[in-house]
Amino acid sequence: MFATPAFAQAAGAAATPGGDLLTMLPMMLILFGAMYFFMIRPQSQRAKQHKAMLTNLKRNDTVVLSSGLVGKVTRIEDAEIMVEVATGVNVRVVKAMIAEVRVKGEPAPANDAKS
């Protein structure tokens, strides 16, 4: 009763098949470039630093494992190392699980330090 008939609108200019691709291509290139510089490149640099850290590993270095254990390297093999976590307690660990190598002169934070 109150509804009015809907009329089809006149068709606009016909779109060219390649027109949408030419407008989206620069945006896709910018997006890929941003993804490379913010995600891919930093990850590959971290992997390169980790590999260099593992190749420079030597006996008596203090290491922190990814699980949080801290120990001293006693033996190094190709894929595994032996870490002494307590006096006389040696644990065999996969090299890739080493998160950090601490320098002997690195100061330890005080237990009573307040932030």
PDB file of N, CA and C in Angstrom:
ATOM      1  N   MET A   1       0.809  -1.176   0.000  1.00  0.00           N
ATOM      2  CA  MET A   1       0.000   0.000   0.000  1.00  0.00           C
ATOM      3  C   MET A   1       0.868   1.261   0.000  1.00  0.00           C
ATOM      4  N   PHE A   2       1.854   1.336   0.903  1.00  0.00           N
ATOM      5  CA  PHE A   2       2.725   2.504   0.918  1.00  0.00           C
ATOM      6  C   PHE A   2       4.022   2.266   0.147  1.00  0.00           C
ATOM      7  N   ALA A   3       4.230   1.074  -0.337  1.00  0.00           N
ATOM      8  CA  ALA A   3       5.462   0.765  -1.042  1.00  0.00           C
ATOM      9  C   ALA A   3       5.432   1.363  -2.428  1.00  0.00           C
ATOM     10  N   THR A   4       6.569   1.936  -2.814  1.00  0.00           N
ATOM     11  CA  THR A   4       6.668   2.484  -4.159  1.00  0.00           C
ATOM     12  C   THR A   4       7.496   1.531  -4.995  1.00  0.00           C
ATOM     13  N   PRO A   5       7.237   1.461  -6.251  1.00  0.00           N
ATOM     14  CA  PRO A   5       7.995   0.539  -7.094  1.00  0.00           C
ATOM     15  C   PRO A   5       9.450   0.991  -7.223  1.00  0.00           C
ATOM     16  N   ALA A   6      10.350   0.037  -7.189  1.00  0.00           N
ATOM     17  CA  ALA A   6      11.776   0.320  -7.339  1.00  0.00           C
ATOM     18  C   ALA A   6      12.141   0.234  -8.801  1.00  0.00           C
ATOM     19  N   PHE A   7      12.845   1.240  -9.263  1.00  0.00           N
ATOM     20  CA  PHE A   7      13.259   1.260 -10.655  1.00  0.00           C
ATOM     21  C   PHE A   7      14.753   0.988 -10.744  1.00  0.00           C
ATOM     22  N   ALA A   8      15.134   0.255 -11.729  1.00  0.00           N
ATOM     23  CA  ALA A   8      16.557  -0.044 -11.937  1.00  0.00           C
ATOM     24  C   ALA A   8      17.267   1.223 -12.352  1.00  0.00           C
ATOM     25  N   GLN A   9      18.447   1.416 -11.765  1.00  0.00           N
ATOM     26  CA  GLN A   9      19.231   2.590 -12.135  1.00  0.00           C
ATOM     27  C   GLN A   9      19.940   2.329 -13.444  1.00  0.00           C
ATOM     28  N   ALA A  10      20.228   3.379 -14.113  1.00  0.00           N
ATOM     29  CA  ALA A  10      20.925   3.246 -15.389  1.00  0.00           C
ATOM     30  C   ALA A  10      22.340   2.764 -15.133  1.00  0.00           C
ATOM     31  N   ALA A  11      22.816   1.863 -15.967  1.00  0.00           N
ATOM     32  CA  ALA A  11      24.164   1.316 -15.799  1.00  0.00           C
ATOM     33  C   ALA A  11      25.192   2.396 -16.087  1.00  0.00           C
ATOM     34  N   GLY A  12      26.248   2.453 -15.246  1.00  0.00           N
ATOM     35  CA  GLY A  12      27.319   3.432 -15.438  1.00  0.00           C
ATOM     36  C   GLY A  12      28.236   2.980 -16.558  1.00  0.00           C
ATOM     37  N   ALA A  13      29.367   3.636 -16.647  1.00  0.00           N
ATOM     38  CA  ALA A  13      30.336   3.278 -17.682  1.00  0.00           C
ATOM     39  C   ALA A  13      30.872   1.880 -17.410  1.00  0.00           C
ATOM     40  N   ALA A  14      31.062   1.129 -18.441  1.00  0.00           N
ATOM     41  CA  ALA A  14      31.556  -0.244 -18.299  1.00  0.00           C
ATOM     42  C   ALA A  14      32.987  -0.212 -17.764  1.00  0.00           C
ATOM     43  N   ALA A  15      33.262  -1.030 -16.740  1.00  0.00           N
ATOM     44  CA  ALA A  15      34.602  -1.075 -16.148  1.00  0.00           C
ATOM     45  C   ALA A  15      35.524  -1.905 -17.035  1.00  0.00           C
ATOM     46  N   THR A  16      36.770  -1.449 -17.125  1.00  0.00           N
ATOM     47  CA  THR A  16      37.735  -2.208 -17.910  1.00  0.00           C
ATOM     48  C   THR A  16      38.224  -3.384 -17.081  1.00  0.00           C
ATOM     49  N   PRO A  17      38.496  -4.517 -17.709  1.00  0.00           N
ATOM     50  CA  PRO A  17      38.911  -5.696 -16.951  1.00  0.00           C
ATOM     51  C   PRO A  17      40.223  -5.507 -16.201  1.00  0.00           C
ATOM     52  N   GLY A  18      41.167  -4.762 -16.730  1.00  0.00           N
ATOM     53  CA  GLY A  18      42.455  -4.589 -16.081  1.00  0.00           C
ATOM     54  C   GLY A  18      42.529  -3.362 -15.190  1.00  0.00           C
ATOM     55  N   GLY A  19      41.506  -2.571 -15.144  1.00  0.00           N
ATOM     56  CA  GLY A  19      41.511  -1.341 -14.366  1.00  0.00           C
ATOM     57  C   GLY A  19      41.626  -1.594 -12.880  1.00  0.00           C
ATOM     58  N   ASP A  20      40.928  -2.577 -12.361  1.00  0.00           N
ATOM     59  CA  ASP A  20      40.984  -2.869 -10.935  1.00  0.00           C
ATOM     60  C   ASP A  20      42.365  -3.402 -10.533  1.00  0.00           C
ATOM     61  N   LEU A  21      42.967  -4.180 -11.384  1.00  0.00           N
ATOM     62  CA  LEU A  21      44.285  -4.733 -11.083  1.00  0.00           C
ATOM     63  C   LEU A  21      45.336  -3.634 -11.030  1.00  0.00           C
ATOM     64  N   LEU A  22      45.254  -2.672 -11.929  1.00  0.00           N
ATOM     65  CA  LEU A  22      46.238  -1.591 -11.954  1.00  0.00           C
ATOM     66  C   LEU A  22      46.117  -0.684 -10.733  1.00  0.00           C
ATOM     67  N   THR A  23      44.934  -0.568 -10.183  1.00  0.00           N
ATOM     68  CA  THR A  23      44.791   0.258  -8.985  1.00  0.00           C
ATOM     69  C   THR A  23      45.185  -0.512  -7.727  1.00  0.00           C
ATOM     70  N   MET A  24      45.052  -1.824  -7.722  1.00  0.00           N
ATOM     71  CA  MET A  24      45.369  -2.622  -6.543  1.00  0.00           C
ATOM     72  C   MET A  24      46.837  -3.044  -6.494  1.00  0.00           C
ATOM     73  N   LEU A  25      47.516  -3.087  -7.615  1.00  0.00           N
ATOM     74  CA  LEU A  25      48.904  -3.543  -7.660  1.00  0.00           C
ATOM     75  C   LEU A  25      49.835  -2.695  -6.797  1.00  0.00           C
ATOM     76  N   PRO A  26      49.809  -1.356  -6.870  1.00  0.00           N
ATOM     77  CA  PRO A  26      50.696  -0.585  -5.987  1.00  0.00           C
ATOM     78  C   PRO A  26      50.399  -0.818  -4.503  1.00  0.00           C
ATOM     79  N   MET A  27      49.138  -0.948  -4.162  1.00  0.00           N
ATOM     80  CA  MET A  27      48.785  -1.183  -2.760  1.00  0.00           C
ATOM     81  C   MET A  27      49.296  -2.547  -2.297  1.00  0.00           C
ATOM     82  N   MET A  28      49.214  -3.547  -3.151  1.00  0.00           N
ATOM     83  CA  MET A  28      49.718  -4.875  -2.796  1.00  0.00           C
ATOM     84  C   MET A  28      51.234  -4.854  -2.638  1.00  0.00           C
ATOM     85  N   LEU A  29      51.935  -4.105  -3.479  1.00  0.00           N
ATOM     86  CA  LEU A  29      53.387  -3.995  -3.375  1.00  0.00           C
ATOM     87  C   LEU A  29      53.783  -3.275  -2.083  1.00  0.00           C
ATOM     88  N   ILE A  30      53.068  -2.235  -1.726  1.00  0.00           N
ATOM     89  CA  ILE A  30      53.354  -1.522  -0.477  1.00  0.00           C
ATOM     90  C   ILE A  30      53.108  -2.440   0.713  1.00  0.00           C
ATOM     91  N   LEU A  31      52.037  -3.204   0.689  1.00  0.00           N
ATOM     92  CA  LEU A  31      51.717  -4.123   1.778  1.00  0.00           C
ATOM     93  C   LEU A  31      52.789  -5.211   1.908  1.00  0.00           C
ATOM     94  N   PHE A  32      53.234  -5.769   0.787  1.00  0.00           N
ATOM     95  CA  PHE A  32      54.288  -6.776   0.832  1.00  0.00           C
ATOM     96  C   PHE A  32      55.597  -6.183   1.347  1.00  0.00           C
ATOM     97  N   GLY A  33      55.922  -4.965   0.910  1.00  0.00           N
ATOM     98  CA  GLY A  33      57.142  -4.309   1.385  1.00  0.00           C
ATOM     99  C   GLY A  33      57.108  -4.067   2.886  1.00  0.00           C
ATOM    100  N   ALA A  34      55.973  -3.626   3.397  1.00  0.00           N
ATOM    101  CA  ALA A  34      55.843  -3.406   4.838  1.00  0.00           C
ATOM    102  C   ALA A  34      55.953  -4.722   5.594  1.00  0.00           C
ATOM    103  N   MET A  35      55.338  -5.773   5.077  1.00  0.00           N
ATOM    104  CA  MET A  35      55.404  -7.071   5.731  1.00  0.00           C
ATOM    105  C   MET A  35      56.847  -7.595   5.749  1.00  0.00           C
ATOM    106  N   TYR A  36      57.580  -7.352   4.674  1.00  0.00           N
ATOM    107  CA  TYR A  36      58.976  -7.789   4.622  1.00  0.00           C
ATOM    108  C   TYR A  36      59.800  -7.068   5.679  1.00  0.00           C
ATOM    109  N   PHE A  37      59.666  -5.739   5.754  1.00  0.00           N
ATOM    110  CA  PHE A  37      60.503  -4.975   6.680  1.00  0.00           C
ATOM    111  C   PHE A  37      60.086  -5.116   8.132  1.00  0.00           C
ATOM    112  N   PHE A  38      58.838  -5.432   8.416  1.00  0.00           N
ATOM    113  CA  PHE A  38      58.398  -5.544   9.806  1.00  0.00           C
ATOM    114  C   PHE A  38      58.354  -6.966  10.328  1.00  0.00           C
ATOM    115  N   MET A  39      58.323  -7.979   9.443  1.00  0.00           N
ATOM    116  CA  MET A  39      58.194  -9.362   9.913  1.00  0.00           C
ATOM    117  C   MET A  39      59.308 -10.275   9.421  1.00  0.00           C
ATOM    118  N   ILE A  40      59.533 -10.337   8.140  1.00  0.00           N
ATOM    119  CA  ILE A  40      60.445 -11.328   7.570  1.00  0.00           C
ATOM    120  C   ILE A  40      61.901 -10.968   7.854  1.00  0.00           C
ATOM    121  N   ARG A  41      62.305  -9.736   7.598  1.00  0.00           N
ATOM    122  CA  ARG A  41      63.697  -9.326   7.762  1.00  0.00           C
ATOM    123  C   ARG A  41      64.167  -9.404   9.219  1.00  0.00           C
ATOM    124  N   PRO A  42      63.424  -8.889  10.197  1.00  0.00           N
ATOM    125  CA  PRO A  42      63.884  -9.015  11.587  1.00  0.00           C
ATOM    126  C   PRO A  42      63.997 -10.463  12.051  1.00  0.00           C
ATOM    127  N   GLN A  43      63.084 -11.325  11.600  1.00  0.00           N
ATOM    128  CA  GLN A  43      63.140 -12.730  11.995  1.00  0.00           C
ATOM    129  C   GLN A  43      64.386 -13.403  11.435  1.00  0.00           C
ATOM    130  N   SER A  44      64.738 -13.101  10.191  1.00  0.00           N
ATOM    131  CA  SER A  44      65.936 -13.713   9.608  1.00  0.00           C
ATOM    132  C   SER A  44      67.203 -13.173  10.276  1.00  0.00           C
ATOM    133  N   GLN A  45      67.202 -11.902  10.688  1.00  0.00           N
ATOM    134  CA  GLN A  45      68.365 -11.361  11.401  1.00  0.00           C
ATOM    135  C   GLN A  45      68.515 -12.013  12.769  1.00  0.00           C
ATOM    136  N   ARG A  46      67.397 -12.239  13.480  1.00  0.00           N
ATOM    137  CA  ARG A  46      67.473 -12.912  14.779  1.00  0.00           C
ATOM    138  C   ARG A  46      67.983 -14.342  14.615  1.00  0.00           C
ATOM    139  N   ALA A  47      67.533 -15.027  13.573  1.00  0.00           N
ATOM    140  CA  ALA A  47      67.996 -16.395  13.332  1.00  0.00           C
ATOM    141  C   ALA A  47      69.491 -16.415  13.034  1.00  0.00           C
ATOM    142  N   LYS A  48      69.964 -15.428  12.296  1.00  0.00           N
ATOM    143  CA  LYS A  48      71.392 -15.343  11.978  1.00  0.00           C
ATOM    144  C   LYS A  48      72.214 -15.067  13.238  1.00  0.00           C
ATOM    145  N   GLN A  49      71.729 -14.194  14.118  1.00  0.00           N
ATOM    146  CA  GLN A  49      72.431 -13.904  15.366  1.00  0.00           C
ATOM    147  C   GLN A  49      72.461 -15.128  16.280  1.00  0.00           C
ATOM    148  N   HIS A  50      71.351 -15.875  16.326  1.00  0.00           N
ATOM    149  CA  HIS A  50      71.283 -17.071  17.167  1.00  0.00           C
ATOM    150  C   HIS A  50      72.257 -18.129  16.669  1.00  0.00           C
ATOM    151  N   LYS A  51      72.339 -18.288  15.360  1.00  0.00           N
ATOM    152  CA  LYS A  51      73.269 -19.262  14.788  1.00  0.00           C
ATOM    153  C   LYS A  51      74.713 -18.873  15.082  1.00  0.00           C
ATOM    154  N   ALA A  52      75.026 -17.575  14.986  1.00  0.00           N
ATOM    155  CA  ALA A  52      76.384 -17.109  15.304  1.00  0.00           C
ATOM    156  C   ALA A  52      76.691 -17.330  16.779  1.00  0.00           C
ATOM    157  N   MET A  53      75.701 -17.118  17.646  1.00  0.00           N
ATOM    158  CA  MET A  53      75.898 -17.338  19.075  1.00  0.00           C
ATOM    159  C   MET A  53      76.204 -18.809  19.355  1.00  0.00           C
ATOM    160  N   LEU A  54      75.518 -19.720  18.670  1.00  0.00           N
ATOM    161  CA  LEU A  54      75.746 -21.151  18.885  1.00  0.00           C
ATOM    162  C   LEU A  54      77.101 -21.597  18.345  1.00  0.00           C
ATOM    163  N   THR A  55      77.555 -21.006  17.259  1.00  0.00           N
ATOM    164  CA  THR A  55      78.852 -21.407  16.715  1.00  0.00           C
ATOM    165  C   THR A  55      80.002 -20.891  17.583  1.00  0.00           C
ATOM    166  N   ASN A  56      79.801 -19.781  18.295  1.00  0.00           N
ATOM    167  CA  ASN A  56      80.848 -19.224  19.159  1.00  0.00           C
ATOM    168  C   ASN A  56      80.806 -19.783  20.573  1.00  0.00           C
ATOM    169  N   LEU A  57      79.955 -20.747  20.826  1.00  0.00           N
ATOM    170  CA  LEU A  57      79.818 -21.340  22.154  1.00  0.00           C
ATOM    171  C   LEU A  57      81.061 -22.156  22.500  1.00  0.00           C
ATOM    172  N   LYS A  58      81.535 -22.045  23.755  1.00  0.00           N
ATOM    173  CA  LYS A  58      82.720 -22.799  24.181  1.00  0.00           C
ATOM    174  C   LYS A  58      82.525 -23.297  25.609  1.00  0.00           C
ATOM    175  N   ARG A  59      83.422 -24.158  26.044  1.00  0.00           N
ATOM    176  CA  ARG A  59      83.349 -24.707  27.401  1.00  0.00           C
ATOM    177  C   ARG A  59      83.428 -23.600  28.438  1.00  0.00           C
ATOM    178  N   ASN A  60      82.789 -23.825  29.570  1.00  0.00           N
ATOM    179  CA  ASN A  60      82.741 -22.918  30.717  1.00  0.00           C
ATOM    180  C   ASN A  60      81.946 -21.643  30.461  1.00  0.00           C
ATOM    181  N   ASP A  61      81.221 -21.552  29.344  1.00  0.00           N
ATOM    182  CA  ASP A  61      80.308 -20.434  29.138  1.00  0.00           C
ATOM    183  C   ASP A  61      79.054 -20.669  29.976  1.00  0.00           C
ATOM    184  N   THR A  62      78.511 -19.610  30.525  1.00  0.00           N
ATOM    185  CA  THR A  62      77.247 -19.703  31.250  1.00  0.00           C
ATOM    186  C   THR A  62      76.126 -19.456  30.257  1.00  0.00           C
ATOM    187  N   VAL A  63      75.178 -20.379  30.194  1.00  0.00           N
ATOM    188  CA  VAL A  63      74.085 -20.284  29.232  1.00  0.00           C
ATOM    189  C   VAL A  63      72.748 -20.283  29.958  1.00  0.00           C
ATOM    190  N   VAL A  64      71.762 -19.660  29.307  1.00  0.00           N
ATOM    191  CA  VAL A  64      70.383 -19.692  29.776  1.00  0.00           C
ATOM    192  C   VAL A  64      69.602 -20.467  28.728  1.00  0.00           C
ATOM    193  N   LEU A  65      68.901 -21.507  29.155  1.00  0.00           N
ATOM    194  CA  LEU A  65      68.111 -22.318  28.236  1.00  0.00           C
ATOM    195  C   LEU A  65      66.734 -21.692  28.048  1.00  0.00           C
ATOM    196  N   SER A  66      66.033 -22.109  27.025  1.00  0.00           N
ATOM    197  CA  SER A  66      64.706 -21.565  26.757  1.00  0.00           C
ATOM    198  C   SER A  66      63.716 -21.902  27.866  1.00  0.00           C
ATOM    199  N   SER A  67      64.011 -22.921  28.663  1.00  0.00           N
ATOM    200  CA  SER A  67      63.140 -23.276  29.785  1.00  0.00           C
ATOM    201  C   SER A  67      63.430 -22.429  31.014  1.00  0.00           C
ATOM    202  N   GLY A  68      64.523 -21.665  30.993  1.00  0.00           N
ATOM    203  CA  GLY A  68      64.876 -20.815  32.116  1.00  0.00           C
ATOM    204  C   GLY A  68      66.011 -21.355  32.965  1.00  0.00           C
ATOM    205  N   LEU A  69      66.468 -22.561  32.696  1.00  0.00           N
ATOM    206  CA  LEU A  69      67.591 -23.117  33.444  1.00  0.00           C
ATOM    207  C   LEU A  69      68.871 -22.363  33.096  1.00  0.00           C
ATOM    208  N   VAL A  70      69.694 -22.149  34.110  1.00  0.00           N
ATOM    209  CA  VAL A  70      70.985 -21.495  33.920  1.00  0.00           C
ATOM    210  C   VAL A  70      72.056 -22.498  34.305  1.00  0.00           C
ATOM    211  N   GLY A  71      73.059 -22.647  33.472  1.00  0.00           N
ATOM    212  CA  GLY A  71      74.119 -23.600  33.773  1.00  0.00           C
ATOM    213  C   GLY A  71      75.390 -23.279  33.020  1.00  0.00           C
ATOM    214  N   LYS A  72      76.400 -24.107  33.267  1.00  0.00           N
ATOM    215  CA  LYS A  72      77.711 -23.933  32.654  1.00  0.00           C
ATOM    216  C   LYS A  72      77.944 -25.052  31.649  1.00  0.00           C
ATOM    217  N   VAL A  73      78.445 -24.706  30.478  1.00  0.00           N
ATOM    218  CA  VAL A  73      78.701 -25.684  29.426  1.00  0.00           C
ATOM    219  C   VAL A  73      79.919 -26.515  29.810  1.00  0.00           C
ATOM    220  N   THR A  74      79.753 -27.852  29.782  1.00  0.00           N
ATOM    221  CA  THR A  74      80.874 -28.727  30.110  1.00  0.00           C
ATOM    222  C   THR A  74      81.385 -29.495  28.897  1.00  0.00           C
ATOM    223  N   ARG A  75      80.505 -29.748  27.933  1.00  0.00           N
ATOM    224  CA  ARG A  75      80.931 -30.478  26.732  1.00  0.00           C
ATOM    225  C   ARG A  75      80.068 -30.031  25.553  1.00  0.00           C
ATOM    226  N   ILE A  76      80.692 -29.916  24.371  1.00  0.00           N
ATOM    227  CA  ILE A  76      79.980 -29.486  23.174  1.00  0.00           C
ATOM    228  C   ILE A  76      80.112 -30.554  22.109  1.00  0.00           C
ATOM    229  N   GLU A  77      78.990 -30.952  21.533  1.00  0.00           N
ATOM    230  CA  GLU A  77      78.962 -31.888  20.407  1.00  0.00           C
ATOM    231  C   GLU A  77      78.320 -31.173  19.226  1.00  0.00           C
ATOM    232  N   ASP A  78      78.042 -31.915  18.166  1.00  0.00           N
ATOM    233  CA  ASP A  78      77.467 -31.299  16.966  1.00  0.00           C
ATOM    234  C   ASP A  78      76.089 -30.690  17.226  1.00  0.00           C
ATOM    235  N   ALA A  79      75.165 -31.473  17.748  1.00  0.00           N
ATOM    236  CA  ALA A  79      73.795 -31.004  17.926  1.00  0.00           C
ATOM    237  C   ALA A  79      73.398 -30.853  19.389  1.00  0.00           C
ATOM    238  N   GLU A  80      74.211 -31.363  20.299  1.00  0.00           N
ATOM    239  CA  GLU A  80      73.870 -31.332  21.717  1.00  0.00           C
ATOM    240  C   GLU A  80      75.043 -30.815  22.532  1.00  0.00           C
ATOM    241  N   ILE A  81      74.733 -30.325  23.734  1.00  0.00           N
ATOM    242  CA  ILE A  81      75.767 -29.909  24.669  1.00  0.00           C
ATOM    243  C   ILE A  81      75.434 -30.471  26.039  1.00  0.00           C
ATOM    244  N   MET A  82      76.426 -30.548  26.897  1.00  0.00           N
ATOM    245  CA  MET A  82      76.214 -30.936  28.291  1.00  0.00           C
ATOM    246  C   MET A  82      76.298 -29.663  29.125  1.00  0.00           C
ATOM    247  N   VAL A  83      75.283 -29.456  29.955  1.00  0.00           N
ATOM    248  CA  VAL A  83      75.213 -28.272  30.798  1.00  0.00           C
ATOM    249  C   VAL A  83      75.186 -28.721  32.247  1.00  0.00           C
ATOM    250  N   GLU A  84      76.065 -28.146  33.055  1.00  0.00           N
ATOM    251  CA  GLU A  84      76.083 -28.442  34.485  1.00  0.00           C
ATOM    252  C   GLU A  84      75.170 -27.431  35.174  1.00  0.00           C
ATOM    253  N   VAL A  85      74.032 -27.919  35.698  1.00  0.00           N
ATOM    254  CA  VAL A  85      73.064 -27.033  36.336  1.00  0.00           C
ATOM    255  C   VAL A  85      73.276 -26.941  37.840  1.00  0.00           C
ATOM    256  N   ALA A  86      73.946 -27.902  38.419  1.00  0.00           N
ATOM    257  CA  ALA A  86      74.332 -27.889  39.827  1.00  0.00           C
ATOM    258  C   ALA A  86      75.634 -28.675  39.926  1.00  0.00           C
ATOM    259  N   THR A  87      76.265 -28.641  41.061  1.00  0.00           N
ATOM    260  CA  THR A  87      77.530 -29.340  41.225  1.00  0.00           C
ATOM    261  C   THR A  87      77.324 -30.832  41.017  1.00  0.00           C
ATOM    262  N   GLY A  88      77.946 -31.368  39.980  1.00  0.00           N
ATOM    263  CA  GLY A  88      77.855 -32.787  39.676  1.00  0.00           C
ATOM    264  C   GLY A  88      76.597 -33.200  38.928  1.00  0.00           C
ATOM    265  N   VAL A  89      75.731 -32.263  38.573  1.00  0.00           N
ATOM    266  CA  VAL A  89      74.494 -32.587  37.849  1.00  0.00           C
ATOM    267  C   VAL A  89      74.629 -32.050  36.424  1.00  0.00           C
ATOM    268  N   ASN A  90      74.835 -32.963  35.473  1.00  0.00           N
ATOM    269  CA  ASN A  90      74.968 -32.591  34.068  1.00  0.00           C
ATOM    270  C   ASN A  90      73.710 -32.977  33.312  1.00  0.00           C
ATOM    271  N   VAL A  91      73.270 -32.078  32.440  1.00  0.00           N
ATOM    272  CA  VAL A  91      72.069 -32.299  31.640  1.00  0.00           C
ATOM    273  C   VAL A  91      72.447 -32.171  30.176  1.00  0.00           C
ATOM    274  N   ARG A  92      71.983 -33.119  29.373  1.00  0.00           N
ATOM    275  CA  ARG A  92      72.237 -33.047  27.934  1.00  0.00           C
ATOM    276  C   ARG A  92      71.118 -32.224  27.293  1.00  0.00           C
ATOM    277  N   VAL A  93      71.503 -31.204  26.509  1.00  0.00           N
ATOM    278  CA  VAL A  93      70.547 -30.252  25.951  1.00  0.00           C
ATOM    279  C   VAL A  93      70.794 -30.113  24.457  1.00  0.00           C
ATOM    280  N   VAL A  94      69.727 -29.954  23.689  1.00  0.00           N
ATOM    281  CA  VAL A  94      69.841 -29.670  22.260  1.00  0.00           C
ATOM    282  C   VAL A  94      70.328 -28.227  22.113  1.00  0.00           C
ATOM    283  N   LYS A  95      71.283 -28.009  21.219  1.00  0.00           N
ATOM    284  CA  LYS A  95      71.893 -26.689  21.061  1.00  0.00           C
ATOM    285  C   LYS A  95      70.874 -25.594  20.739  1.00  0.00           C
ATOM    286  N   ALA A  96      69.872 -25.915  19.970  1.00  0.00           N
ATOM    287  CA  ALA A  96      68.903 -24.907  19.540  1.00  0.00           C
ATOM    288  C   ALA A  96      68.088 -24.352  20.701  1.00  0.00           C
ATOM    289  N   MET A  97      68.087 -25.032  21.839  1.00  0.00           N
ATOM    290  CA  MET A  97      67.303 -24.579  22.987  1.00  0.00           C
ATOM    291  C   MET A  97      68.047 -23.567  23.858  1.00  0.00           C
ATOM    292  N   ILE A  98      69.241 -23.155  23.454  1.00  0.00           N
ATOM    293  CA  ILE A  98      69.974 -22.137  24.196  1.00  0.00           C
ATOM    294  C   ILE A  98      69.410 -20.773  23.811  1.00  0.00           C
ATOM    295  N   ALA A  99      68.957 -20.038  24.816  1.00  0.00           N
ATOM    296  CA  ALA A  99      68.361 -18.736  24.560  1.00  0.00           C
ATOM    297  C   ALA A  99      69.371 -17.606  24.671  1.00  0.00           C
ATOM    298  N   GLU A 100      70.365 -17.763  25.540  1.00  0.00           N
ATOM    299  CA  GLU A 100      71.293 -16.664  25.798  1.00  0.00           C
ATOM    300  C   GLU A 100      72.612 -17.220  26.315  1.00  0.00           C
ATOM    301  N   VAL A 101      73.699 -16.572  25.942  1.00  0.00           N
ATOM    302  CA  VAL A 101      75.016 -16.886  26.498  1.00  0.00           C
ATOM    303  C   VAL A 101      75.433 -15.680  27.312  1.00  0.00           C
ATOM    304  N   ARG A 102      75.675 -15.905  28.601  1.00  0.00           N
ATOM    305  CA  ARG A 102      76.039 -14.799  29.486  1.00  0.00           C
ATOM    306  C   ARG A 102      77.549 -14.652  29.550  1.00  0.00           C
ATOM    307  N   VAL A 103      77.990 -13.416  29.619  1.00  0.00           N
ATOM    308  CA  VAL A 103      79.405 -13.094  29.735  1.00  0.00           C
ATOM    309  C   VAL A 103      79.785 -13.186  31.206  1.00  0.00           C
ATOM    310  N   LYS A 104      81.014 -13.630  31.478  1.00  0.00           N
ATOM    311  CA  LYS A 104      81.445 -13.786  32.869  1.00  0.00           C
ATOM    312  C   LYS A 104      81.398 -12.470  33.637  1.00  0.00           C
ATOM    313  N   GLY A 105      81.717 -11.355  33.001  1.00  0.00           N
ATOM    314  CA  GLY A 105      81.760 -10.075  33.681  1.00  0.00           C
ATOM    315  C   GLY A 105      80.416  -9.383  33.793  1.00  0.00           C
ATOM    316  N   GLU A 106      79.352 -10.019  33.351  1.00  0.00           N
ATOM    317  CA  GLU A 106      78.037  -9.392  33.382  1.00  0.00           C
ATOM    318  C   GLU A 106      77.544  -9.275  34.821  1.00  0.00           C
ATOM    319  N   PRO A 107      77.166  -8.086  35.248  1.00  0.00           N
ATOM    320  CA  PRO A 107      76.738  -7.918  36.635  1.00  0.00           C
ATOM    321  C   PRO A 107      75.370  -8.553  36.875  1.00  0.00           C
ATOM    322  N   ALA A 108      75.232  -9.129  38.046  1.00  0.00           N
ATOM    323  CA  ALA A 108      73.956  -9.716  38.421  1.00  0.00           C
ATOM    324  C   ALA A 108      73.162  -8.693  39.215  1.00  0.00           C
ATOM    325  N   PRO A 109      71.848  -8.591  38.998  1.00  0.00           N
ATOM    326  CA  PRO A 109      71.052  -7.621  39.744  1.00  0.00           C
ATOM    327  C   PRO A 109      70.955  -8.041  41.210  1.00  0.00           C
ATOM    328  N   ALA A 110      70.897  -7.064  42.081  1.00  0.00           N
ATOM    329  CA  ALA A 110      70.779  -7.330  43.511  1.00  0.00           C
ATOM    330  C   ALA A 110      69.384  -7.856  43.821  1.00  0.00           C
ATOM    331  N   ASN A 111      69.289  -8.729  44.789  1.00  0.00           N
ATOM    332  CA  ASN A 111      67.993  -9.301  45.155  1.00  0.00           C
ATOM    333  C   ASN A 111      67.077  -8.286  45.808  1.00  0.00           C
ATOM    334  N   ASP A 112      67.663  -7.270  46.462  1.00  0.00           N
ATOM    335  CA  ASP A 112      66.841  -6.302  47.168  1.00  0.00           C
ATOM    336  C   ASP A 112      66.645  -5.018  46.376  1.00  0.00           C
ATOM    337  N   ALA A 113      66.964  -5.029  45.079  1.00  0.00           N
ATOM    338  CA  ALA A 113      66.794  -3.828  44.273  1.00  0.00           C
ATOM    339  C   ALA A 113      65.317  -3.546  44.067  1.00  0.00           C
ATOM    340  N   LYS A 114      64.951  -2.282  44.211  1.00  0.00           N
ATOM    341  CA  LYS A 114      63.550  -1.867  44.029  1.00  0.00           C
ATOM    342  C   LYS A 114      63.421  -1.114  42.725  1.00  0.00           C
ATOM    343  N   SER A 115      62.312  -1.375  42.017  1.00  0.00           N
ATOM    344  CA  SER A 115      62.094  -0.706  40.729  1.00  0.00           C
ATOM    345  C   SER A 115      61.308   0.555  40.900  1.00  0.00           C
TER     346      SER A 115
END
